[in-house]
Each structure stands twice: as C-alpha cells, then as structure tokens.
Amino acid sequence: MKITFLGAAREVTGSCYLVETDQCRFLIDCGMVQGGREAPARNHKPFDFDPRGIDFVLLTHAHIDHSGLLPKLVLNGIDGPIYTTRATTDLLSVMLPDSGHIQEMEADRAKRRHKPDALPPIYTVQDAKNCLKQVKPIDYNERFAPHPSIACCFRDAGHILGSAIIEIWVTENGVTRKLVASGDLGQPGRPILKDPTNIEQADAVD
C-alpha cells in the first residue's frame, strides 16, 4: 500500500490523499485550497494523478477544503462512487452548488472588470449537481466494501454534522492492514454533536 499526500500536508487546507494498492486506487477527500493569493491557481492546476484511474472516493466531511474539488474530479473523468455519510450527502447538495455559484459570479465580475488574469470557474452549479449523482450515502458504523480488497466503516468524528473518521481495512497478498483517516476531529462535550469516536487500533493514521 502506498499513500501520497496531495494536500493538507504542512497546511490545513486542500485535504486529498491518494491510496494505491496492488488492486485499486482511491482517494480520501478531494478538497479545495482556501486562503492566500496562490489558492486560485493551485485549485485550477491539473490533478497530480489521472482521475480516470481512481476507483472510488471516501469523503470525511462536507467542508469545502475537504470536498470542494469533487466536481472537478468528476469533470476530469472519474466515474466511480463517492462514499460518505448521509448527513454529509445532504450538506453537499447545498455546499457544492453554492461553491459553483460563487465561482461563476467571481468569473463574471472579473470579466466585466476586464481583468487580464481572470480565471474561469473550476466548475459550475450544473457541474456540481452532476457530481452529486455519484455520491453514495452510508450510515455510521456500517461496514461496507467499496472494492473486494477493501472494507470501510464511517465513525462519528464530532466535528460537524456528518463528519467521519474512516476505518479502512486493506488486504494485499493475504495480509490485512488497517488505515484510519481521521478527517477533522471535534471536541468532546459539545451540546449538539456527539463526542469523537475512540479508535483503538490502526497500522497507519492520517
């Protein structure tokens, strides 16, 4: 198993991890870089991998720095499912089209101001809606298999509604190792959200 950190490494935005095994390739999150003058250019640049070779995506939660480039991923050819929790699925139906709307407005404003360095939208409202067709909701604590060699389970991360810690069991050459994707963790004792789930064992944590 090989894990490549493509975002949220030495920074707290643009979460995206590529996991490659001897049988499949998948992403954990596909977030937009937020903040700083370089963010627009970084979000527009091509992915460091071929989206057409990605089998599926596991999404920890709906915040745009974790989910915001999913429509771009779909536009660039991924046709596999995007697995996440039911509450995150509901939030994505609002947040991703809104992200597309903001980009369309900013591009239109820049065009009217004749800005020479204006960038087009990364994706539109309609692109975001098309992306949502590939989102597959999964209940907390339900073990599922996105691939014959992979088993996963979403646990409550207590960060926002629907946020998840993802337990991932990867089997290669008859050996199973456990990867835990922590996402963003919440604080215990909050009045609305549950405490983050305690994970007792893992071979690797990101």
N, C-alpha and C. Protein backbone atom coordinates (compact mmCIF):
# COMPACT_ATOMS: atom_id res chain seq x y z
N MET A 1 0.84 -1.19 0.00
CA MET A 1 0.00 0.00 0.00
C MET A 1 0.88 1.25 0.00
N LYS A 2 0.53 2.18 -0.86
CA LYS A 2 1.27 3.44 -0.95
C LYS A 2 0.29 4.59 -0.72
N ILE A 3 0.64 5.53 0.14
CA ILE A 3 -0.20 6.70 0.42
C ILE A 3 0.57 7.94 0.00
N THR A 4 -0.07 8.76 -0.85
CA THR A 4 0.54 10.01 -1.30
C THR A 4 -0.28 11.17 -0.77
N PHE A 5 0.38 12.09 -0.09
CA PHE A 5 -0.30 13.26 0.48
C PHE A 5 -0.29 14.38 -0.55
N LEU A 6 -1.45 14.67 -1.11
CA LEU A 6 -1.59 15.65 -2.18
C LEU A 6 -2.13 16.99 -1.69
N GLY A 7 -2.48 17.08 -0.45
CA GLY A 7 -2.99 18.31 0.15
C GLY A 7 -3.07 18.14 1.65
N ALA A 8 -3.27 19.26 2.36
CA ALA A 8 -3.33 19.24 3.82
C ALA A 8 -2.08 18.58 4.41
N ALA A 9 -0.95 18.78 3.76
CA ALA A 9 0.34 18.34 4.27
C ALA A 9 1.16 19.59 4.54
N ARG A 10 1.52 19.81 5.79
CA ARG A 10 2.18 21.03 6.25
C ARG A 10 1.28 22.25 6.07
N GLU A 11 -0.01 22.00 5.94
CA GLU A 11 -1.02 23.06 5.90
C GLU A 11 -2.35 22.41 6.28
N VAL A 12 -3.38 23.22 6.48
CA VAL A 12 -4.63 22.68 7.00
C VAL A 12 -5.76 22.79 5.99
N THR A 13 -5.44 22.85 4.71
CA THR A 13 -6.48 23.02 3.70
C THR A 13 -6.14 22.17 2.48
N GLY A 14 -7.15 21.95 1.63
CA GLY A 14 -6.93 21.16 0.42
C GLY A 14 -6.71 19.69 0.67
N SER A 15 -7.44 19.11 1.64
CA SER A 15 -7.26 17.72 2.01
C SER A 15 -7.45 16.79 0.82
N CYS A 16 -6.45 15.94 0.54
CA CYS A 16 -6.55 14.96 -0.54
C CYS A 16 -5.43 13.95 -0.39
N TYR A 17 -5.79 12.68 -0.25
CA TYR A 17 -4.81 11.61 -0.12
C TYR A 17 -5.10 10.53 -1.15
N LEU A 18 -4.08 10.10 -1.84
CA LEU A 18 -4.20 9.03 -2.82
C LEU A 18 -3.66 7.75 -2.20
N VAL A 19 -4.50 6.72 -2.19
CA VAL A 19 -4.10 5.41 -1.67
C VAL A 19 -4.05 4.43 -2.83
N GLU A 20 -2.91 3.80 -3.00
CA GLU A 20 -2.71 2.84 -4.09
C GLU A 20 -2.36 1.48 -3.50
N THR A 21 -3.09 0.46 -3.92
CA THR A 21 -2.79 -0.91 -3.52
C THR A 21 -2.48 -1.71 -4.78
N ASP A 22 -2.22 -3.00 -4.60
CA ASP A 22 -1.92 -3.82 -5.77
C ASP A 22 -3.17 -4.11 -6.60
N GLN A 23 -4.35 -3.70 -6.09
CA GLN A 23 -5.59 -3.99 -6.82
C GLN A 23 -6.45 -2.77 -7.14
N CYS A 24 -6.25 -1.66 -6.47
CA CYS A 24 -7.09 -0.49 -6.73
C CYS A 24 -6.40 0.80 -6.30
N ARG A 25 -7.00 1.91 -6.72
CA ARG A 25 -6.53 3.24 -6.35
C ARG A 25 -7.74 4.04 -5.90
N PHE A 26 -7.64 4.72 -4.76
CA PHE A 26 -8.76 5.53 -4.30
C PHE A 26 -8.26 6.77 -3.58
N LEU A 27 -9.17 7.75 -3.46
CA LEU A 27 -8.88 9.00 -2.77
C LEU A 27 -9.59 9.05 -1.44
N ILE A 28 -8.95 9.69 -0.48
CA ILE A 28 -9.62 10.12 0.75
C ILE A 28 -9.69 11.64 0.66
N ASP A 29 -10.89 12.17 0.51
CA ASP A 29 -11.15 13.61 0.36
C ASP A 29 -10.63 14.13 -0.98
N CYS A 30 -11.17 15.25 -1.38
CA CYS A 30 -10.70 15.96 -2.59
C CYS A 30 -11.08 17.42 -2.40
N GLY A 31 -10.30 18.10 -1.56
CA GLY A 31 -10.68 19.42 -1.08
C GLY A 31 -10.05 20.56 -1.85
N MET A 32 -10.68 21.70 -1.74
CA MET A 32 -10.21 22.93 -2.36
C MET A 32 -9.24 23.65 -1.43
N VAL A 33 -8.17 24.20 -1.98
CA VAL A 33 -7.25 25.02 -1.20
C VAL A 33 -7.93 26.36 -0.94
N GLN A 34 -7.92 26.80 0.29
CA GLN A 34 -8.57 28.05 0.67
C GLN A 34 -7.58 28.97 1.36
N GLY A 35 -7.64 30.26 1.03
CA GLY A 35 -6.78 31.25 1.67
C GLY A 35 -5.47 31.44 0.94
N GLY A 36 -5.02 32.69 0.87
CA GLY A 36 -3.76 33.01 0.22
C GLY A 36 -3.93 33.33 -1.25
N ARG A 37 -3.02 34.12 -1.78
CA ARG A 37 -3.10 34.55 -3.17
C ARG A 37 -2.91 33.42 -4.16
N GLU A 38 -2.20 32.36 -3.75
CA GLU A 38 -1.91 31.27 -4.67
C GLU A 38 -3.05 30.26 -4.76
N ALA A 39 -4.05 30.38 -3.90
CA ALA A 39 -5.11 29.37 -3.85
C ALA A 39 -5.83 29.19 -5.19
N PRO A 40 -6.27 30.27 -5.88
CA PRO A 40 -6.98 30.05 -7.16
C PRO A 40 -6.16 29.27 -8.17
N ALA A 41 -4.90 29.64 -8.32
CA ALA A 41 -4.04 28.94 -9.30
C ALA A 41 -3.84 27.48 -8.90
N ARG A 42 -3.68 27.22 -7.62
CA ARG A 42 -3.48 25.84 -7.15
C ARG A 42 -4.73 25.00 -7.41
N ASN A 43 -5.90 25.60 -7.21
CA ASN A 43 -7.14 24.85 -7.44
C ASN A 43 -7.40 24.59 -8.92
N HIS A 44 -6.88 25.46 -9.78
CA HIS A 44 -7.08 25.30 -11.22
C HIS A 44 -6.09 24.32 -11.85
N LYS A 45 -4.96 24.11 -11.24
CA LYS A 45 -3.94 23.27 -11.89
C LYS A 45 -4.42 21.82 -11.99
N PRO A 46 -3.91 21.08 -12.96
CA PRO A 46 -4.34 19.68 -13.12
C PRO A 46 -4.02 18.85 -11.88
N PHE A 47 -4.80 17.81 -11.69
CA PHE A 47 -4.52 16.88 -10.59
C PHE A 47 -3.17 16.20 -10.82
N ASP A 48 -2.55 15.77 -9.73
CA ASP A 48 -1.28 15.06 -9.80
C ASP A 48 -1.46 13.58 -10.07
N PHE A 49 -2.62 13.20 -10.54
CA PHE A 49 -2.96 11.80 -10.86
C PHE A 49 -4.01 11.84 -11.95
N ASP A 50 -4.25 10.71 -12.58
CA ASP A 50 -5.28 10.62 -13.61
C ASP A 50 -6.60 10.24 -12.94
N PRO A 51 -7.58 11.16 -12.89
CA PRO A 51 -8.86 10.83 -12.24
C PRO A 51 -9.55 9.61 -12.84
N ARG A 52 -9.27 9.32 -14.10
CA ARG A 52 -9.91 8.17 -14.74
C ARG A 52 -9.42 6.85 -14.16
N GLY A 53 -8.29 6.88 -13.44
CA GLY A 53 -7.77 5.68 -12.83
C GLY A 53 -8.14 5.51 -11.37
N ILE A 54 -8.99 6.38 -10.86
CA ILE A 54 -9.44 6.30 -9.46
C ILE A 54 -10.71 5.47 -9.38
N ASP A 55 -10.71 4.46 -8.53
CA ASP A 55 -11.85 3.55 -8.43
C ASP A 55 -13.00 4.13 -7.62
N PHE A 56 -12.68 4.87 -6.55
CA PHE A 56 -13.72 5.45 -5.71
C PHE A 56 -13.11 6.50 -4.80
N VAL A 57 -13.97 7.26 -4.13
CA VAL A 57 -13.54 8.29 -3.18
C VAL A 57 -14.21 8.04 -1.85
N LEU A 58 -13.47 8.24 -0.77
CA LEU A 58 -14.02 8.23 0.59
C LEU A 58 -13.93 9.66 1.11
N LEU A 59 -15.05 10.22 1.54
CA LEU A 59 -15.08 11.62 1.96
C LEU A 59 -15.37 11.72 3.45
N THR A 60 -14.50 12.45 4.17
CA THR A 60 -14.66 12.55 5.62
C THR A 60 -15.78 13.50 6.04
N HIS A 61 -15.91 14.64 5.35
CA HIS A 61 -17.00 15.57 5.70
C HIS A 61 -17.16 16.63 4.62
N ALA A 62 -18.14 17.51 4.78
CA ALA A 62 -18.59 18.39 3.70
C ALA A 62 -17.85 19.72 3.60
N HIS A 63 -17.05 20.10 4.55
CA HIS A 63 -16.35 21.37 4.42
C HIS A 63 -15.60 21.44 3.09
N ILE A 64 -15.61 22.61 2.47
CA ILE A 64 -15.10 22.77 1.11
C ILE A 64 -13.61 22.43 1.01
N ASP A 65 -12.84 22.63 2.07
CA ASP A 65 -11.43 22.27 2.00
C ASP A 65 -11.21 20.76 2.02
N HIS A 66 -12.29 19.99 2.16
CA HIS A 66 -12.23 18.53 2.06
C HIS A 66 -13.02 18.00 0.86
N SER A 67 -14.02 18.75 0.41
CA SER A 67 -14.92 18.25 -0.64
C SER A 67 -14.95 19.11 -1.90
N GLY A 68 -14.37 20.30 -1.87
CA GLY A 68 -14.64 21.31 -2.88
C GLY A 68 -14.16 21.04 -4.29
N LEU A 69 -13.26 20.07 -4.49
CA LEU A 69 -12.82 19.76 -5.85
C LEU A 69 -13.43 18.46 -6.38
N LEU A 70 -14.42 17.93 -5.69
CA LEU A 70 -15.09 16.73 -6.21
C LEU A 70 -15.73 16.97 -7.58
N PRO A 71 -16.42 18.10 -7.81
CA PRO A 71 -16.96 18.31 -9.16
C PRO A 71 -15.87 18.37 -10.23
N LYS A 72 -14.73 18.97 -9.91
CA LYS A 72 -13.61 18.98 -10.85
C LYS A 72 -13.13 17.56 -11.12
N LEU A 73 -13.11 16.74 -10.10
CA LEU A 73 -12.69 15.35 -10.25
C LEU A 73 -13.62 14.62 -11.23
N VAL A 74 -14.92 14.84 -11.09
CA VAL A 74 -15.90 14.22 -11.98
C VAL A 74 -15.74 14.76 -13.40
N LEU A 75 -15.54 16.06 -13.52
CA LEU A 75 -15.34 16.65 -14.85
C LEU A 75 -14.12 16.06 -15.55
N ASN A 76 -13.13 15.64 -14.77
CA ASN A 76 -11.90 15.11 -15.34
C ASN A 76 -11.91 13.60 -15.51
N GLY A 77 -13.06 12.98 -15.29
CA GLY A 77 -13.19 11.61 -15.75
C GLY A 77 -13.45 10.51 -14.74
N ILE A 78 -13.44 10.79 -13.44
CA ILE A 78 -13.76 9.70 -12.51
C ILE A 78 -15.23 9.33 -12.69
N ASP A 79 -15.50 8.04 -12.79
CA ASP A 79 -16.89 7.61 -12.91
C ASP A 79 -17.31 6.67 -11.79
N GLY A 80 -16.42 6.50 -10.79
CA GLY A 80 -16.73 5.65 -9.65
C GLY A 80 -17.49 6.41 -8.58
N PRO A 81 -17.95 5.70 -7.55
CA PRO A 81 -18.75 6.30 -6.48
C PRO A 81 -17.93 7.14 -5.51
N ILE A 82 -18.63 8.07 -4.86
CA ILE A 82 -18.08 8.90 -3.80
C ILE A 82 -18.84 8.53 -2.53
N TYR A 83 -18.20 7.84 -1.61
CA TYR A 83 -18.86 7.36 -0.40
C TYR A 83 -18.69 8.36 0.73
N THR A 84 -19.79 8.62 1.43
CA THR A 84 -19.74 9.49 2.60
C THR A 84 -20.97 9.23 3.45
N THR A 85 -21.10 9.92 4.57
CA THR A 85 -22.24 9.69 5.46
C THR A 85 -23.50 10.36 4.91
N ARG A 86 -24.64 9.98 5.46
CA ARG A 86 -25.91 10.53 4.97
C ARG A 86 -26.02 12.03 5.23
N ALA A 87 -25.60 12.49 6.41
CA ALA A 87 -25.69 13.92 6.69
C ALA A 87 -24.74 14.71 5.79
N THR A 88 -23.57 14.16 5.51
CA THR A 88 -22.65 14.83 4.60
C THR A 88 -23.23 14.90 3.19
N THR A 89 -23.91 13.84 2.78
CA THR A 89 -24.58 13.85 1.47
C THR A 89 -25.56 15.00 1.38
N ASP A 90 -26.34 15.20 2.44
CA ASP A 90 -27.31 16.31 2.46
C ASP A 90 -26.60 17.66 2.39
N LEU A 91 -25.52 17.82 3.14
CA LEU A 91 -24.79 19.09 3.12
C LEU A 91 -24.16 19.36 1.77
N LEU A 92 -23.64 18.33 1.12
CA LEU A 92 -23.02 18.51 -0.20
C LEU A 92 -24.02 19.04 -1.21
N SER A 93 -25.28 18.65 -1.07
CA SER A 93 -26.30 19.08 -2.04
C SER A 93 -26.51 20.59 -1.99
N VAL A 94 -26.10 21.22 -0.90
CA VAL A 94 -26.17 22.68 -0.76
C VAL A 94 -24.81 23.31 -1.03
N MET A 95 -23.76 22.74 -0.44
CA MET A 95 -22.46 23.41 -0.44
C MET A 95 -21.75 23.35 -1.79
N LEU A 96 -21.83 22.24 -2.50
CA LEU A 96 -21.12 22.17 -3.79
C LEU A 96 -21.77 23.06 -4.86
N PRO A 97 -23.12 23.05 -5.03
CA PRO A 97 -23.70 24.02 -5.97
C PRO A 97 -23.43 25.46 -5.56
N ASP A 98 -23.41 25.74 -4.26
CA ASP A 98 -23.10 27.10 -3.82
C ASP A 98 -21.67 27.47 -4.19
N SER A 99 -20.75 26.54 -4.06
CA SER A 99 -19.37 26.79 -4.47
C SER A 99 -19.29 27.10 -5.95
N GLY A 100 -20.02 26.32 -6.76
CA GLY A 100 -20.06 26.60 -8.19
C GLY A 100 -20.64 27.96 -8.50
N HIS A 101 -21.69 28.33 -7.77
CA HIS A 101 -22.33 29.64 -7.96
C HIS A 101 -21.37 30.78 -7.65
N ILE A 102 -20.62 30.65 -6.55
CA ILE A 102 -19.65 31.68 -6.17
C ILE A 102 -18.58 31.82 -7.26
N GLN A 103 -18.11 30.70 -7.79
CA GLN A 103 -17.09 30.75 -8.84
C GLN A 103 -17.62 31.41 -10.11
N GLU A 104 -18.86 31.10 -10.47
CA GLU A 104 -19.46 31.72 -11.65
C GLU A 104 -19.59 33.23 -11.46
N MET A 105 -20.02 33.66 -10.27
CA MET A 105 -20.16 35.09 -10.01
C MET A 105 -18.81 35.79 -10.05
N GLU A 106 -17.78 35.18 -9.44
CA GLU A 106 -16.46 35.80 -9.41
C GLU A 106 -15.87 35.89 -10.82
N ALA A 107 -16.08 34.88 -11.63
CA ALA A 107 -15.57 34.90 -13.00
C ALA A 107 -16.28 35.97 -13.82
N ASP A 108 -17.59 36.09 -13.62
CA ASP A 108 -18.36 37.10 -14.35
C ASP A 108 -17.93 38.51 -13.93
N ARG A 109 -17.70 38.70 -12.63
CA ARG A 109 -17.26 40.01 -12.13
C ARG A 109 -15.89 40.38 -12.70
N ALA A 110 -14.98 39.40 -12.73
CA ALA A 110 -13.65 39.66 -13.28
C ALA A 110 -13.73 39.97 -14.77
N LYS A 111 -14.62 39.30 -15.48
CA LYS A 111 -14.76 39.56 -16.92
C LYS A 111 -15.27 40.96 -17.17
N ARG A 112 -16.25 41.40 -16.37
CA ARG A 112 -16.80 42.74 -16.54
C ARG A 112 -15.79 43.81 -16.20
N ARG A 113 -14.85 43.50 -15.33
CA ARG A 113 -13.81 44.45 -14.96
C ARG A 113 -12.59 44.34 -15.87
N HIS A 114 -12.65 43.46 -16.87
CA HIS A 114 -11.59 43.28 -17.86
C HIS A 114 -10.24 42.96 -17.20
N LYS A 115 -10.29 42.10 -16.21
CA LYS A 115 -9.06 41.70 -15.54
C LYS A 115 -8.29 40.72 -16.43
N PRO A 116 -7.05 41.01 -16.77
CA PRO A 116 -6.30 40.14 -17.70
C PRO A 116 -5.96 38.78 -17.13
N ASP A 117 -5.89 38.68 -15.81
CA ASP A 117 -5.51 37.42 -15.18
C ASP A 117 -6.72 36.65 -14.66
N ALA A 118 -7.92 37.01 -15.14
CA ALA A 118 -9.15 36.36 -14.65
C ALA A 118 -9.16 34.88 -15.01
N LEU A 119 -9.58 34.06 -14.06
CA LEU A 119 -9.67 32.62 -14.27
C LEU A 119 -11.13 32.21 -14.45
N PRO A 120 -11.41 31.24 -15.29
CA PRO A 120 -12.79 30.76 -15.43
C PRO A 120 -13.18 29.95 -14.20
N PRO A 121 -14.46 29.67 -14.03
CA PRO A 121 -14.85 28.80 -12.91
C PRO A 121 -14.20 27.42 -13.04
N ILE A 122 -13.81 26.87 -11.93
CA ILE A 122 -13.31 25.49 -11.94
C ILE A 122 -14.45 24.56 -12.33
N TYR A 123 -15.64 24.88 -11.83
CA TYR A 123 -16.85 24.16 -12.20
C TYR A 123 -18.05 25.06 -11.96
N THR A 124 -19.15 24.71 -12.58
CA THR A 124 -20.38 25.50 -12.50
C THR A 124 -21.36 24.86 -11.52
N VAL A 125 -22.47 25.54 -11.31
CA VAL A 125 -23.55 24.97 -10.49
C VAL A 125 -24.00 23.63 -11.06
N GLN A 126 -24.17 23.58 -12.37
CA GLN A 126 -24.63 22.34 -13.00
C GLN A 126 -23.61 21.23 -12.87
N ASP A 127 -22.33 21.57 -12.98
CA ASP A 127 -21.28 20.57 -12.78
C ASP A 127 -21.36 19.97 -11.38
N ALA A 128 -21.60 20.84 -10.39
CA ALA A 128 -21.72 20.37 -9.00
C ALA A 128 -22.91 19.44 -8.85
N LYS A 129 -24.02 19.79 -9.46
CA LYS A 129 -25.22 18.94 -9.39
C LYS A 129 -24.97 17.60 -10.06
N ASN A 130 -24.23 17.61 -11.16
CA ASN A 130 -23.91 16.35 -11.83
C ASN A 130 -23.03 15.47 -10.94
N CYS A 131 -22.10 16.09 -10.24
CA CYS A 131 -21.23 15.36 -9.33
C CYS A 131 -22.01 14.64 -8.24
N LEU A 132 -23.06 15.28 -7.76
CA LEU A 132 -23.85 14.71 -6.66
C LEU A 132 -24.47 13.37 -7.03
N LYS A 133 -24.64 13.10 -8.31
CA LYS A 133 -25.22 11.83 -8.74
C LYS A 133 -24.32 10.65 -8.40
N GLN A 134 -23.04 10.91 -8.18
CA GLN A 134 -22.09 9.84 -7.87
C GLN A 134 -21.88 9.66 -6.37
N VAL A 135 -22.53 10.48 -5.56
CA VAL A 135 -22.37 10.38 -4.11
C VAL A 135 -23.27 9.26 -3.56
N LYS A 136 -22.68 8.38 -2.78
CA LYS A 136 -23.40 7.24 -2.21
C LYS A 136 -23.41 7.35 -0.69
N PRO A 137 -24.58 7.58 -0.08
CA PRO A 137 -24.63 7.73 1.38
C PRO A 137 -24.50 6.40 2.11
N ILE A 138 -23.76 6.43 3.21
CA ILE A 138 -23.54 5.25 4.05
C ILE A 138 -23.83 5.63 5.49
N ASP A 139 -24.47 4.75 6.23
CA ASP A 139 -24.75 5.00 7.65
C ASP A 139 -23.47 4.90 8.48
N TYR A 140 -23.43 5.65 9.57
CA TYR A 140 -22.37 5.46 10.56
C TYR A 140 -22.36 4.01 11.03
N ASN A 141 -21.16 3.51 11.30
CA ASN A 141 -20.95 2.19 11.91
C ASN A 141 -21.38 1.03 11.02
N GLU A 142 -21.63 1.30 9.73
CA GLU A 142 -21.98 0.25 8.78
C GLU A 142 -20.73 -0.13 7.99
N ARG A 143 -20.30 -1.35 8.13
CA ARG A 143 -19.12 -1.80 7.39
C ARG A 143 -19.53 -2.11 5.95
N PHE A 144 -18.78 -1.60 4.98
CA PHE A 144 -19.10 -1.81 3.58
C PHE A 144 -17.82 -2.04 2.79
N ALA A 145 -17.97 -2.56 1.57
CA ALA A 145 -16.82 -2.93 0.75
C ALA A 145 -16.88 -2.18 -0.57
N PRO A 146 -16.16 -1.06 -0.72
CA PRO A 146 -16.14 -0.35 -1.99
C PRO A 146 -15.36 -1.09 -3.08
N HIS A 147 -14.58 -2.08 -2.66
CA HIS A 147 -13.79 -2.90 -3.58
C HIS A 147 -13.60 -4.26 -2.90
N PRO A 148 -13.47 -5.35 -3.65
CA PRO A 148 -13.31 -6.66 -2.99
C PRO A 148 -12.15 -6.76 -2.01
N SER A 149 -11.12 -5.93 -2.20
CA SER A 149 -9.96 -5.98 -1.30
C SER A 149 -9.99 -4.92 -0.21
N ILE A 150 -11.07 -4.13 -0.16
CA ILE A 150 -11.16 -3.00 0.77
C ILE A 150 -12.45 -3.10 1.59
N ALA A 151 -12.36 -2.88 2.89
CA ALA A 151 -13.53 -2.74 3.74
C ALA A 151 -13.41 -1.42 4.49
N CYS A 152 -14.55 -0.75 4.71
CA CYS A 152 -14.54 0.57 5.34
C CYS A 152 -15.66 0.70 6.35
N CYS A 153 -15.49 1.66 7.26
CA CYS A 153 -16.55 1.98 8.21
C CYS A 153 -16.40 3.44 8.62
N PHE A 154 -17.51 4.20 8.55
CA PHE A 154 -17.52 5.58 8.99
C PHE A 154 -17.87 5.65 10.47
N ARG A 155 -17.06 6.34 11.25
CA ARG A 155 -17.31 6.56 12.68
C ARG A 155 -17.47 8.07 12.92
N ASP A 156 -18.28 8.43 13.87
CA ASP A 156 -18.57 9.84 14.13
C ASP A 156 -17.31 10.57 14.60
N ALA A 157 -16.99 11.68 13.90
CA ALA A 157 -15.81 12.48 14.26
C ALA A 157 -16.15 13.66 15.15
N GLY A 158 -17.45 13.98 15.31
CA GLY A 158 -17.83 15.05 16.21
C GLY A 158 -17.41 16.44 15.78
N HIS A 159 -17.10 16.63 14.51
CA HIS A 159 -16.59 17.92 14.00
C HIS A 159 -17.74 18.80 13.52
N ILE A 160 -18.48 18.34 12.52
CA ILE A 160 -19.73 18.95 12.07
C ILE A 160 -20.70 17.81 11.81
N LEU A 161 -21.94 18.15 11.50
CA LEU A 161 -22.92 17.11 11.18
C LEU A 161 -22.40 16.26 10.02
N GLY A 162 -22.40 14.97 10.23
CA GLY A 162 -21.97 14.05 9.19
C GLY A 162 -20.48 13.78 9.13
N SER A 163 -19.68 14.49 9.90
CA SER A 163 -18.23 14.29 9.83
C SER A 163 -17.85 12.90 10.32
N ALA A 164 -16.81 12.35 9.69
CA ALA A 164 -16.47 10.96 9.97
C ALA A 164 -14.97 10.73 10.07
N ILE A 165 -14.62 9.83 10.97
CA ILE A 165 -13.34 9.14 10.96
C ILE A 165 -13.59 7.89 10.11
N ILE A 166 -12.68 7.58 9.20
CA ILE A 166 -12.90 6.42 8.34
C ILE A 166 -11.89 5.33 8.69
N GLU A 167 -12.41 4.17 9.07
CA GLU A 167 -11.58 2.98 9.25
C GLU A 167 -11.54 2.24 7.91
N ILE A 168 -10.35 1.90 7.46
CA ILE A 168 -10.17 1.27 6.16
C ILE A 168 -9.28 0.04 6.32
N TRP A 169 -9.80 -1.12 5.96
CA TRP A 169 -9.03 -2.36 6.01
C TRP A 169 -8.61 -2.72 4.59
N VAL A 170 -7.30 -2.77 4.35
CA VAL A 170 -6.76 -3.05 3.03
C VAL A 170 -6.10 -4.43 3.05
N THR A 171 -6.54 -5.31 2.15
CA THR A 171 -5.97 -6.65 2.07
C THR A 171 -5.12 -6.77 0.81
N GLU A 172 -3.85 -7.10 1.01
CA GLU A 172 -2.92 -7.32 -0.09
C GLU A 172 -2.12 -8.59 0.19
N ASN A 173 -2.07 -9.48 -0.80
CA ASN A 173 -1.30 -10.71 -0.69
C ASN A 173 -1.65 -11.49 0.58
N GLY A 174 -2.93 -11.49 0.91
CA GLY A 174 -3.41 -12.24 2.06
C GLY A 174 -3.20 -11.58 3.40
N VAL A 175 -2.63 -10.37 3.40
CA VAL A 175 -2.36 -9.64 4.65
C VAL A 175 -3.27 -8.41 4.71
N THR A 176 -3.95 -8.24 5.84
CA THR A 176 -4.84 -7.10 6.02
C THR A 176 -4.22 -6.09 6.98
N ARG A 177 -4.17 -4.84 6.52
CA ARG A 177 -3.68 -3.75 7.35
C ARG A 177 -4.77 -2.70 7.47
N LYS A 178 -4.78 -2.01 8.60
CA LYS A 178 -5.84 -1.03 8.88
C LYS A 178 -5.30 0.39 8.81
N LEU A 179 -5.94 1.20 7.96
CA LEU A 179 -5.64 2.62 7.82
C LEU A 179 -6.79 3.41 8.42
N VAL A 180 -6.47 4.43 9.18
CA VAL A 180 -7.50 5.31 9.76
C VAL A 180 -7.30 6.72 9.22
N ALA A 181 -8.35 7.24 8.56
CA ALA A 181 -8.36 8.63 8.09
C ALA A 181 -9.15 9.44 9.10
N SER A 182 -8.47 10.30 9.82
CA SER A 182 -9.11 10.99 10.95
C SER A 182 -10.01 12.13 10.50
N GLY A 183 -9.76 12.71 9.30
CA GLY A 183 -10.52 13.90 8.93
C GLY A 183 -10.25 15.01 9.92
N ASP A 184 -11.26 15.81 10.23
CA ASP A 184 -11.17 16.84 11.27
C ASP A 184 -11.93 16.35 12.49
N LEU A 185 -11.30 16.39 13.64
CA LEU A 185 -11.92 15.89 14.87
C LEU A 185 -12.53 17.03 15.67
N GLY A 186 -13.70 16.76 16.24
CA GLY A 186 -14.35 17.74 17.10
C GLY A 186 -13.89 17.61 18.54
N GLN A 187 -14.44 18.47 19.39
CA GLN A 187 -14.14 18.46 20.81
C GLN A 187 -15.21 17.69 21.57
N PRO A 188 -14.83 16.94 22.60
CA PRO A 188 -15.85 16.24 23.40
C PRO A 188 -16.67 17.22 24.23
N GLY A 189 -17.86 16.78 24.59
CA GLY A 189 -18.71 17.56 25.48
C GLY A 189 -19.44 18.72 24.84
N ARG A 190 -19.60 18.71 23.52
CA ARG A 190 -20.34 19.78 22.86
C ARG A 190 -21.83 19.49 22.91
N PRO A 191 -22.67 20.54 22.92
CA PRO A 191 -24.10 20.33 23.20
C PRO A 191 -24.89 19.65 22.08
N ILE A 192 -24.47 19.77 20.82
CA ILE A 192 -25.26 19.23 19.71
C ILE A 192 -24.63 17.98 19.12
N LEU A 193 -23.32 18.01 18.92
CA LEU A 193 -22.63 16.90 18.27
C LEU A 193 -22.17 15.87 19.29
N LYS A 194 -22.07 14.63 18.82
CA LYS A 194 -21.55 13.57 19.67
C LYS A 194 -20.04 13.70 19.81
N ASP A 195 -19.50 13.10 20.85
CA ASP A 195 -18.06 13.07 21.03
C ASP A 195 -17.41 12.27 19.90
N PRO A 196 -16.19 12.62 19.51
CA PRO A 196 -15.49 11.81 18.51
C PRO A 196 -15.36 10.36 18.99
N THR A 197 -15.51 9.44 18.06
CA THR A 197 -15.39 8.02 18.38
C THR A 197 -13.94 7.67 18.70
N ASN A 198 -13.74 6.86 19.73
CA ASN A 198 -12.40 6.37 20.04
C ASN A 198 -12.06 5.21 19.11
N ILE A 199 -10.94 5.31 18.43
CA ILE A 199 -10.45 4.24 17.57
C ILE A 199 -9.30 3.56 18.31
N GLU A 200 -9.40 2.27 18.51
CA GLU A 200 -8.49 1.59 19.41
C GLU A 200 -7.23 1.03 18.73
N GLN A 201 -7.28 0.82 17.43
CA GLN A 201 -6.11 0.19 16.78
C GLN A 201 -6.02 0.63 15.33
N ALA A 202 -4.78 0.79 14.85
CA ALA A 202 -4.55 1.09 13.44
C ALA A 202 -3.10 0.80 13.11
N ASP A 203 -2.85 0.46 11.86
CA ASP A 203 -1.48 0.31 11.38
C ASP A 203 -0.92 1.62 10.86
N ALA A 204 -1.81 2.49 10.39
CA ALA A 204 -1.39 3.82 9.92
C ALA A 204 -2.55 4.78 10.12
N VAL A 205 -2.22 6.04 10.47
CA VAL A 205 -3.23 7.07 10.71
C VAL A 205 -2.83 8.31 9.91
N ASP A 206 -3.81 8.88 9.18
CA ASP A 206 -3.53 10.16 8.52
C ASP A 206 -4.56 11.19 8.93
